[in-house]
Every structure is written in structure tokens, then in C-alpha cells.
Amino acid sequence: MSNIIREAIIDELKRQAEISNGALTVQTTDDLVTINGPVDLDDLVMVVIGSVAGGP
């Protein structure tokens, strides 16, 4: 379950970075994520809730 949540968080952060016009950058390694810029917390929370509930 934790791998699903981890992947959902990273995917959402990368999605937000793609649409941020450079305002947000996300770099990941196996166990670290570096985030620079604003993150839409509501969108991130919804993705985590969806991953826990088994949604897309």
C-alpha cells in the first residue's frame, strides 16, 4: 500500500510541475524528492485519498 501512495504522490507532483510553466520543479531519487515551488495541496490530498480508496 505504501508503494501505491508513494507513486501517487510523485506522479501528482510531476503532473503539477508539468503544468506550472516552470514555477514548480520536482526531482526524485529512490528515496528522496526535492520540490521547489508552489504545490496545490488540495489536489495532492485528493490523489492520496484516491490511492488509499483504490481509485485512479
Protein backbone atom coordinates (compact mmCIF):
# COMPACT_ATOMS: atom_id res chain seq x y z
CA MET A 1 0.00 0.00 0.00
CA SER A 2 2.77 2.47 0.83
CA ASN A 3 4.29 1.99 -2.64
CA ILE A 4 0.95 2.90 -4.22
CA ILE A 5 0.69 6.07 -2.14
CA ARG A 6 4.32 6.98 -2.79
CA GLU A 7 3.85 6.57 -6.55
CA ALA A 8 0.61 8.57 -6.49
CA ILE A 9 2.30 11.47 -4.67
CA ILE A 10 5.26 11.55 -7.04
CA ASP A 11 3.03 11.31 -10.11
CA GLU A 12 0.84 14.17 -8.88
CA LEU A 13 3.83 16.37 -8.06
CA LYS A 14 5.27 15.72 -11.52
CA ARG A 15 1.87 16.48 -13.10
CA GLN A 16 1.69 19.77 -11.26
CA ALA A 17 5.26 20.58 -12.30
CA GLU A 18 4.41 19.94 -15.95
CA ILE A 19 1.57 22.47 -15.91
CA SER A 20 3.31 25.08 -13.73
CA ASN A 21 5.24 26.83 -16.53
CA GLY A 22 8.47 26.32 -14.60
CA ALA A 23 7.18 27.59 -11.24
CA LEU A 24 7.43 24.09 -9.75
CA THR A 25 10.27 21.63 -10.20
CA VAL A 26 10.35 18.09 -8.85
CA GLN A 27 13.39 15.82 -8.76
CA THR A 28 13.22 12.28 -7.43
CA THR A 29 15.61 9.53 -6.45
CA ASP A 30 14.79 6.13 -4.97
CA ASP A 31 14.12 7.55 -1.50
CA LEU A 32 14.12 11.35 -1.82
CA VAL A 33 12.06 14.01 -3.56
CA THR A 34 13.17 17.62 -4.00
CA ILE A 35 10.33 20.08 -4.55
CA ASN A 36 10.91 23.72 -5.47
CA GLY A 37 7.86 25.90 -5.93
CA PRO A 38 4.18 26.02 -5.10
CA VAL A 39 2.19 22.79 -4.77
CA ASP A 40 -1.61 22.63 -4.91
CA LEU A 41 -2.14 20.83 -1.63
CA ASP A 42 -5.84 20.14 -2.27
CA ASP A 43 -5.01 18.27 -5.48
CA LEU A 44 -2.25 16.34 -3.74
CA VAL A 45 -4.54 15.35 -0.87
CA MET A 46 -7.23 14.17 -3.30
CA VAL A 47 -4.71 11.95 -5.09
CA VAL A 48 -3.58 10.40 -1.79
CA ILE A 49 -7.17 9.80 -0.71
CA GLY A 50 -7.92 8.25 -4.11
CA SER A 51 -4.93 5.95 -3.90
CA VAL A 52 -5.92 4.79 -0.41
CA ALA A 53 -9.52 4.24 -1.54
CA GLY A 54 -8.35 2.32 -4.60
CA GLY A 55 -9.30 4.98 -7.14
CA PRO A 56 -7.39 6.08 -10.24
